[in-house]
Amino acid sequence: MTNTMTYRGYVASMTFDAEDKIIVGRVLDVDDIISFHGESILEFEANFHAVVDDYIAACESLGSEPEKPASGKLMLRVSPGVHAAALKAAARSGTSLNKWAEEALSAASRRSAGARARRAKPNPSPKQTRSGLRSGRAA
């Protein structure tokens, strides 16, 4: 039994909270936190539909695109040379082209995320000397 529900391409988890006697839901695979609950399956489903509809409407009113969960299917158009090189690399690694491409894309996305995080870090504090802060220039 899967404890998920789908609406308009969004998938929500379903977890029973025995203490509060409610079903707690969270929309999966989007960065925004979208959670809701219901006391019955019917109420849970209605609230799931409402939060997804509200999320889409809020994004539209803010002029942004609502994040859609990825399907896991990716169609790429590449040059024949890149395609041939990827096929050879996959064969050398003993994996399918799909698996090889997944690993390559995953590594590239981690590198990209790391570079973004490094750029977002605040500048380190000024260097310290024994007598206090080192000054840059005399005024």
N, C-alpha and C. Protein backbone atom coordinates (compact mmCIF):
# COMPACT_ATOMS: atom_id res chain seq x y z
N MET A 1 0.84 -1.18 0.00
CA MET A 1 0.00 0.00 0.00
C MET A 1 0.89 1.24 0.00
N THR A 2 0.66 2.15 -0.94
CA THR A 2 1.40 3.41 -0.93
C THR A 2 0.60 4.44 -0.18
N ASN A 3 1.29 5.24 0.56
CA ASN A 3 0.63 6.27 1.34
C ASN A 3 0.83 7.62 0.69
N THR A 4 0.38 7.70 -0.57
CA THR A 4 0.46 8.95 -1.30
C THR A 4 -0.85 9.17 -2.04
N MET A 5 -1.03 10.42 -2.45
CA MET A 5 -2.20 10.81 -3.24
C MET A 5 -1.70 11.79 -4.29
N THR A 6 -2.29 11.76 -5.48
CA THR A 6 -1.86 12.62 -6.57
C THR A 6 -2.99 13.53 -7.03
N TYR A 7 -2.63 14.78 -7.33
CA TYR A 7 -3.59 15.75 -7.85
C TYR A 7 -2.84 16.77 -8.69
N ARG A 8 -3.26 16.97 -9.95
CA ARG A 8 -2.68 17.95 -10.87
C ARG A 8 -1.17 17.79 -11.01
N GLY A 9 -0.69 16.55 -10.93
CA GLY A 9 0.74 16.28 -11.07
C GLY A 9 1.52 16.36 -9.77
N TYR A 10 0.91 16.81 -8.71
CA TYR A 10 1.56 16.91 -7.41
C TYR A 10 1.25 15.66 -6.59
N VAL A 11 2.22 15.19 -5.82
CA VAL A 11 2.05 14.00 -5.00
C VAL A 11 2.18 14.42 -3.54
N ALA A 12 1.28 13.93 -2.71
CA ALA A 12 1.32 14.23 -1.28
C ALA A 12 1.53 12.95 -0.49
N SER A 13 2.33 13.06 0.56
CA SER A 13 2.49 11.95 1.49
C SER A 13 1.29 11.94 2.43
N MET A 14 1.02 10.77 2.98
CA MET A 14 -0.08 10.62 3.93
C MET A 14 0.46 9.90 5.16
N THR A 15 0.42 10.58 6.32
CA THR A 15 0.91 9.98 7.57
C THR A 15 -0.16 10.16 8.63
N PHE A 16 -0.49 9.07 9.31
CA PHE A 16 -1.50 9.15 10.36
C PHE A 16 -0.86 9.60 11.65
N ASP A 17 -1.41 10.65 12.26
CA ASP A 17 -0.95 11.14 13.55
C ASP A 17 -1.92 10.59 14.60
N ALA A 18 -1.47 9.53 15.31
CA ALA A 18 -2.34 8.85 16.27
C ALA A 18 -2.71 9.74 17.45
N GLU A 19 -1.81 10.63 17.85
CA GLU A 19 -2.07 11.50 19.00
C GLU A 19 -3.21 12.47 18.70
N ASP A 20 -3.14 13.12 17.53
CA ASP A 20 -4.18 14.09 17.16
C ASP A 20 -5.32 13.47 16.35
N LYS A 21 -5.16 12.21 15.98
CA LYS A 21 -6.16 11.47 15.20
C LYS A 21 -6.50 12.19 13.89
N ILE A 22 -5.44 12.56 13.17
CA ILE A 22 -5.60 13.21 11.87
C ILE A 22 -4.62 12.58 10.88
N ILE A 23 -4.90 12.78 9.61
CA ILE A 23 -3.98 12.36 8.56
C ILE A 23 -3.23 13.62 8.14
N VAL A 24 -1.91 13.58 8.23
CA VAL A 24 -1.07 14.72 7.91
C VAL A 24 -0.48 14.52 6.52
N GLY A 25 -0.53 15.55 5.71
CA GLY A 25 0.00 15.46 4.35
C GLY A 25 1.03 16.52 4.07
N ARG A 26 1.94 16.19 3.16
CA ARG A 26 2.93 17.15 2.68
C ARG A 26 3.13 16.91 1.20
N VAL A 27 3.12 17.98 0.42
CA VAL A 27 3.36 17.86 -1.02
C VAL A 27 4.84 17.56 -1.21
N LEU A 28 5.12 16.50 -1.96
CA LEU A 28 6.48 16.01 -2.14
C LEU A 28 7.13 16.58 -3.40
N ASP A 29 8.45 16.55 -3.41
CA ASP A 29 9.26 16.85 -4.59
C ASP A 29 9.17 18.28 -5.09
N VAL A 30 8.83 19.22 -4.20
CA VAL A 30 8.92 20.64 -4.51
C VAL A 30 9.67 21.29 -3.35
N ASP A 31 10.38 22.38 -3.62
CA ASP A 31 11.16 23.04 -2.58
C ASP A 31 10.28 23.77 -1.58
N ASP A 32 9.15 24.28 -2.03
CA ASP A 32 8.24 24.97 -1.12
C ASP A 32 7.63 23.97 -0.14
N ILE A 33 7.39 24.42 1.07
CA ILE A 33 6.77 23.54 2.07
C ILE A 33 5.27 23.74 1.99
N ILE A 34 4.57 22.68 1.58
CA ILE A 34 3.12 22.72 1.44
C ILE A 34 2.58 21.55 2.25
N SER A 35 1.98 21.87 3.39
CA SER A 35 1.46 20.81 4.25
C SER A 35 0.00 21.08 4.58
N PHE A 36 -0.69 20.04 5.02
CA PHE A 36 -2.12 20.12 5.28
C PHE A 36 -2.51 18.89 6.09
N HIS A 37 -3.76 18.80 6.48
CA HIS A 37 -4.24 17.62 7.21
C HIS A 37 -5.74 17.47 7.02
N GLY A 38 -6.24 16.33 7.45
CA GLY A 38 -7.67 16.07 7.42
C GLY A 38 -8.01 15.01 8.45
N GLU A 39 -9.25 15.04 8.91
CA GLU A 39 -9.69 14.06 9.89
C GLU A 39 -10.24 12.80 9.24
N SER A 40 -10.45 12.84 7.93
CA SER A 40 -10.90 11.66 7.18
C SER A 40 -10.22 11.69 5.82
N ILE A 41 -10.33 10.60 5.08
CA ILE A 41 -9.75 10.55 3.74
C ILE A 41 -10.40 11.60 2.86
N LEU A 42 -11.71 11.74 2.95
CA LEU A 42 -12.41 12.74 2.14
C LEU A 42 -11.95 14.16 2.46
N GLU A 43 -11.81 14.47 3.75
CA GLU A 43 -11.35 15.80 4.15
C GLU A 43 -9.89 16.00 3.74
N PHE A 44 -9.06 14.96 3.91
CA PHE A 44 -7.66 15.03 3.51
C PHE A 44 -7.55 15.34 2.02
N GLU A 45 -8.32 14.60 1.21
CA GLU A 45 -8.29 14.80 -0.24
C GLU A 45 -8.75 16.21 -0.62
N ALA A 46 -9.82 16.67 -0.01
CA ALA A 46 -10.33 18.02 -0.30
C ALA A 46 -9.30 19.08 0.08
N ASN A 47 -8.63 18.90 1.23
CA ASN A 47 -7.62 19.86 1.66
C ASN A 47 -6.38 19.81 0.78
N PHE A 48 -6.02 18.62 0.31
CA PHE A 48 -4.90 18.47 -0.62
C PHE A 48 -5.20 19.25 -1.90
N HIS A 49 -6.37 19.05 -2.45
CA HIS A 49 -6.77 19.79 -3.66
C HIS A 49 -6.73 21.29 -3.41
N ALA A 50 -7.22 21.71 -2.26
CA ALA A 50 -7.28 23.15 -1.94
C ALA A 50 -5.88 23.75 -1.83
N VAL A 51 -4.94 23.05 -1.15
CA VAL A 51 -3.61 23.65 -0.99
C VAL A 51 -2.86 23.70 -2.32
N VAL A 52 -3.06 22.70 -3.17
CA VAL A 52 -2.41 22.73 -4.50
C VAL A 52 -2.99 23.87 -5.32
N ASP A 53 -4.32 23.98 -5.34
CA ASP A 53 -4.96 25.08 -6.08
C ASP A 53 -4.51 26.44 -5.54
N ASP A 54 -4.43 26.57 -4.21
CA ASP A 54 -4.00 27.82 -3.58
C ASP A 54 -2.53 28.13 -3.92
N TYR A 55 -1.69 27.10 -3.92
CA TYR A 55 -0.27 27.27 -4.25
C TYR A 55 -0.11 27.79 -5.68
N ILE A 56 -0.83 27.18 -6.61
CA ILE A 56 -0.76 27.60 -8.01
C ILE A 56 -1.28 29.03 -8.16
N ALA A 57 -2.38 29.34 -7.51
CA ALA A 57 -2.96 30.70 -7.58
C ALA A 57 -2.00 31.72 -6.95
N ALA A 58 -1.38 31.39 -5.83
CA ALA A 58 -0.45 32.31 -5.16
C ALA A 58 0.76 32.58 -6.05
N CYS A 59 1.28 31.54 -6.69
CA CYS A 59 2.41 31.73 -7.60
C CYS A 59 2.02 32.64 -8.76
N GLU A 60 0.86 32.40 -9.32
CA GLU A 60 0.40 33.23 -10.44
C GLU A 60 0.23 34.69 -10.01
N SER A 61 -0.32 34.91 -8.82
CA SER A 61 -0.53 36.29 -8.36
C SER A 61 0.80 36.99 -8.07
N LEU A 62 1.83 36.21 -7.74
CA LEU A 62 3.16 36.79 -7.49
C LEU A 62 3.98 36.89 -8.78
N GLY A 63 3.41 36.41 -9.88
CA GLY A 63 4.11 36.47 -11.15
C GLY A 63 5.22 35.45 -11.31
N SER A 64 5.14 34.35 -10.56
CA SER A 64 6.16 33.30 -10.67
C SER A 64 5.52 31.99 -11.10
N GLU A 65 6.33 31.13 -11.64
CA GLU A 65 5.84 29.83 -12.07
C GLU A 65 5.78 28.89 -10.88
N PRO A 66 4.69 28.17 -10.70
CA PRO A 66 4.66 27.17 -9.63
C PRO A 66 5.63 26.05 -9.95
N GLU A 67 6.33 25.58 -8.93
CA GLU A 67 7.27 24.49 -9.14
C GLU A 67 6.48 23.21 -9.40
N LYS A 68 6.88 22.49 -10.43
CA LYS A 68 6.23 21.23 -10.75
C LYS A 68 7.20 20.10 -10.42
N PRO A 69 6.70 19.02 -9.86
CA PRO A 69 7.58 17.89 -9.59
C PRO A 69 8.13 17.32 -10.90
N ALA A 70 9.34 16.84 -10.84
CA ALA A 70 9.96 16.24 -12.02
C ALA A 70 9.39 14.84 -12.22
N SER A 71 9.19 14.47 -13.48
CA SER A 71 8.61 13.16 -13.79
C SER A 71 9.66 12.06 -13.79
N GLY A 72 10.93 12.44 -13.94
CA GLY A 72 11.98 11.44 -14.06
C GLY A 72 12.25 11.08 -15.51
N LYS A 73 11.52 11.67 -16.42
CA LYS A 73 11.72 11.44 -17.85
C LYS A 73 12.34 12.70 -18.44
N LEU A 74 13.43 12.52 -19.18
CA LEU A 74 14.15 13.66 -19.72
C LEU A 74 14.53 13.36 -21.17
N MET A 75 14.07 14.19 -22.07
CA MET A 75 14.40 14.04 -23.49
C MET A 75 15.47 15.07 -23.82
N LEU A 76 16.61 14.60 -24.30
CA LEU A 76 17.70 15.50 -24.65
C LEU A 76 18.00 15.41 -26.13
N ARG A 77 18.37 16.52 -26.70
CA ARG A 77 18.87 16.53 -28.08
C ARG A 77 20.30 17.00 -28.00
N VAL A 78 21.21 16.14 -28.43
CA VAL A 78 22.64 16.45 -28.41
C VAL A 78 23.23 16.12 -29.77
N SER A 79 24.41 16.62 -30.00
CA SER A 79 25.06 16.33 -31.28
C SER A 79 25.40 14.84 -31.35
N PRO A 80 25.48 14.28 -32.55
CA PRO A 80 25.84 12.87 -32.69
C PRO A 80 27.19 12.54 -32.03
N GLY A 81 28.13 13.47 -32.06
CA GLY A 81 29.43 13.23 -31.43
C GLY A 81 29.32 13.07 -29.92
N VAL A 82 28.51 13.94 -29.29
CA VAL A 82 28.29 13.85 -27.84
C VAL A 82 27.56 12.55 -27.51
N HIS A 83 26.57 12.20 -28.32
CA HIS A 83 25.81 10.97 -28.12
C HIS A 83 26.74 9.76 -28.19
N ALA A 84 27.60 9.72 -29.21
CA ALA A 84 28.54 8.60 -29.37
C ALA A 84 29.50 8.52 -28.20
N ALA A 85 30.03 9.67 -27.77
CA ALA A 85 30.96 9.68 -26.64
C ALA A 85 30.28 9.21 -25.36
N ALA A 86 29.03 9.61 -25.15
CA ALA A 86 28.29 9.18 -23.96
C ALA A 86 28.02 7.68 -24.00
N LEU A 87 27.67 7.16 -25.17
CA LEU A 87 27.47 5.70 -25.31
C LEU A 87 28.74 4.94 -24.96
N LYS A 88 29.89 5.43 -25.46
CA LYS A 88 31.17 4.77 -25.17
C LYS A 88 31.51 4.87 -23.69
N ALA A 89 31.29 6.02 -23.09
CA ALA A 89 31.57 6.18 -21.66
C ALA A 89 30.70 5.27 -20.82
N ALA A 90 29.44 5.14 -21.18
CA ALA A 90 28.52 4.25 -20.46
C ALA A 90 28.99 2.81 -20.59
N ALA A 91 29.38 2.41 -21.80
CA ALA A 91 29.86 1.04 -22.01
C ALA A 91 31.12 0.78 -21.20
N ARG A 92 32.05 1.75 -21.17
CA ARG A 92 33.28 1.58 -20.39
C ARG A 92 32.98 1.44 -18.90
N SER A 93 31.96 2.13 -18.42
CA SER A 93 31.61 2.05 -17.00
C SER A 93 30.72 0.85 -16.68
N GLY A 94 30.30 0.12 -17.73
CA GLY A 94 29.48 -1.07 -17.51
C GLY A 94 28.05 -0.77 -17.12
N THR A 95 27.56 0.42 -17.51
CA THR A 95 26.17 0.79 -17.19
C THR A 95 25.43 1.15 -18.46
N SER A 96 24.14 1.28 -18.34
CA SER A 96 23.33 1.73 -19.47
C SER A 96 23.55 3.22 -19.68
N LEU A 97 23.20 3.71 -20.86
CA LEU A 97 23.32 5.14 -21.13
C LEU A 97 22.44 5.93 -20.16
N ASN A 98 21.24 5.43 -19.86
CA ASN A 98 20.36 6.14 -18.92
C ASN A 98 21.02 6.27 -17.55
N LYS A 99 21.58 5.16 -17.04
CA LYS A 99 22.21 5.19 -15.72
C LYS A 99 23.44 6.10 -15.73
N TRP A 100 24.24 6.01 -16.79
CA TRP A 100 25.44 6.85 -16.90
C TRP A 100 25.04 8.33 -16.93
N ALA A 101 24.03 8.67 -17.73
CA ALA A 101 23.58 10.06 -17.83
C ALA A 101 23.03 10.55 -16.49
N GLU A 102 22.30 9.69 -15.79
CA GLU A 102 21.77 10.06 -14.47
C GLU A 102 22.91 10.40 -13.53
N GLU A 103 23.96 9.57 -13.51
CA GLU A 103 25.09 9.82 -12.62
C GLU A 103 25.83 11.09 -13.03
N ALA A 104 25.99 11.32 -14.34
CA ALA A 104 26.67 12.53 -14.81
C ALA A 104 25.87 13.78 -14.46
N LEU A 105 24.57 13.74 -14.66
CA LEU A 105 23.72 14.90 -14.34
C LEU A 105 23.69 15.14 -12.83
N SER A 106 23.65 14.08 -12.04
CA SER A 106 23.65 14.22 -10.59
C SER A 106 24.95 14.86 -10.12
N ALA A 107 26.09 14.40 -10.64
CA ALA A 107 27.38 14.99 -10.25
C ALA A 107 27.45 16.46 -10.66
N ALA A 108 26.98 16.77 -11.87
CA ALA A 108 27.01 18.16 -12.34
C ALA A 108 26.10 19.04 -11.50
N SER A 109 24.93 18.54 -11.10
CA SER A 109 24.02 19.36 -10.30
C SER A 109 24.58 19.59 -8.90
N ARG A 110 25.29 18.59 -8.34
CA ARG A 110 25.92 18.79 -7.03
C ARG A 110 27.03 19.83 -7.12
N ARG A 111 27.83 19.78 -8.19
CA ARG A 111 28.89 20.78 -8.37
C ARG A 111 28.28 22.17 -8.49
N SER A 112 27.22 22.28 -9.27
CA SER A 112 26.56 23.57 -9.47
C SER A 112 26.00 24.11 -8.16
N ALA A 113 25.38 23.25 -7.37
CA ALA A 113 24.82 23.66 -6.08
C ALA A 113 25.94 24.09 -5.13
N GLY A 114 27.05 23.38 -5.15
CA GLY A 114 28.19 23.74 -4.31
C GLY A 114 28.77 25.08 -4.69
N ALA A 115 28.88 25.34 -5.99
CA ALA A 115 29.40 26.62 -6.45
C ALA A 115 28.47 27.76 -6.05
N ARG A 116 27.15 27.54 -6.16
CA ARG A 116 26.18 28.56 -5.75
C ARG A 116 26.31 28.85 -4.26
N ALA A 117 26.48 27.78 -3.46
CA ALA A 117 26.59 27.95 -2.01
C ALA A 117 27.87 28.72 -1.66
N ARG A 118 28.96 28.45 -2.37
CA ARG A 118 30.21 29.18 -2.10
C ARG A 118 30.06 30.66 -2.45
N ARG A 119 29.35 30.97 -3.56
CA ARG A 119 29.15 32.37 -3.95
C ARG A 119 28.25 33.09 -2.95
N ALA A 120 27.35 32.37 -2.31
CA ALA A 120 26.39 33.00 -1.39
C ALA A 120 26.97 33.22 0.00
N LYS A 121 28.14 32.61 0.30
CA LYS A 121 28.73 32.76 1.63
C LYS A 121 29.15 34.21 1.84
N PRO A 122 28.94 34.73 3.07
CA PRO A 122 29.39 36.09 3.34
C PRO A 122 30.91 36.13 3.36
N ASN A 123 31.46 37.32 3.11
CA ASN A 123 32.92 37.48 3.16
C ASN A 123 33.42 37.17 4.55
N PRO A 124 34.59 36.53 4.64
CA PRO A 124 35.12 36.25 5.97
C PRO A 124 35.43 37.55 6.70
N SER A 125 35.48 37.48 8.02
CA SER A 125 35.75 38.69 8.80
C SER A 125 37.18 39.14 8.54
N PRO A 126 37.46 40.42 8.80
CA PRO A 126 38.81 40.94 8.57
C PRO A 126 39.83 40.15 9.38
N LYS A 127 41.06 40.08 8.85
CA LYS A 127 42.12 39.33 9.53
C LYS A 127 42.47 40.01 10.85
N GLN A 128 42.75 39.19 11.83
CA GLN A 128 43.10 39.69 13.15
C GLN A 128 44.63 39.76 13.30
N THR A 129 45.11 40.76 14.03
CA THR A 129 46.51 40.83 14.44
C THR A 129 46.51 40.77 15.95
N ARG A 130 47.69 40.69 16.53
CA ARG A 130 47.76 40.67 18.00
C ARG A 130 47.15 41.92 18.61
N SER A 131 47.27 43.02 17.92
CA SER A 131 46.77 44.28 18.50
C SER A 131 45.32 44.58 18.12
N GLY A 132 44.70 43.69 17.37
CA GLY A 132 43.30 43.93 16.99
C GLY A 132 43.12 43.76 15.51
N LEU A 133 42.17 44.47 14.94
CA LEU A 133 41.88 44.34 13.52
C LEU A 133 42.96 44.99 12.69
N ARG A 134 43.33 44.34 11.62
CA ARG A 134 44.29 44.90 10.69
C ARG A 134 43.55 45.91 9.83
N SER A 135 44.09 47.09 9.72
CA SER A 135 43.44 48.10 8.90
C SER A 135 43.89 47.97 7.47
N GLY A 136 43.02 48.35 6.55
CA GLY A 136 43.34 48.28 5.14
C GLY A 136 44.20 49.44 4.71
N ARG A 137 43.77 50.66 4.93
CA ARG A 137 44.50 51.87 4.52
C ARG A 137 44.38 52.91 5.62
N ALA A 138 45.37 53.71 5.68
CA ALA A 138 45.31 54.80 6.66
C ALA A 138 44.38 55.89 6.13
N ALA A 139 43.64 56.50 7.01
CA ALA A 139 42.71 57.53 6.58
C ALA A 139 43.35 58.87 6.59
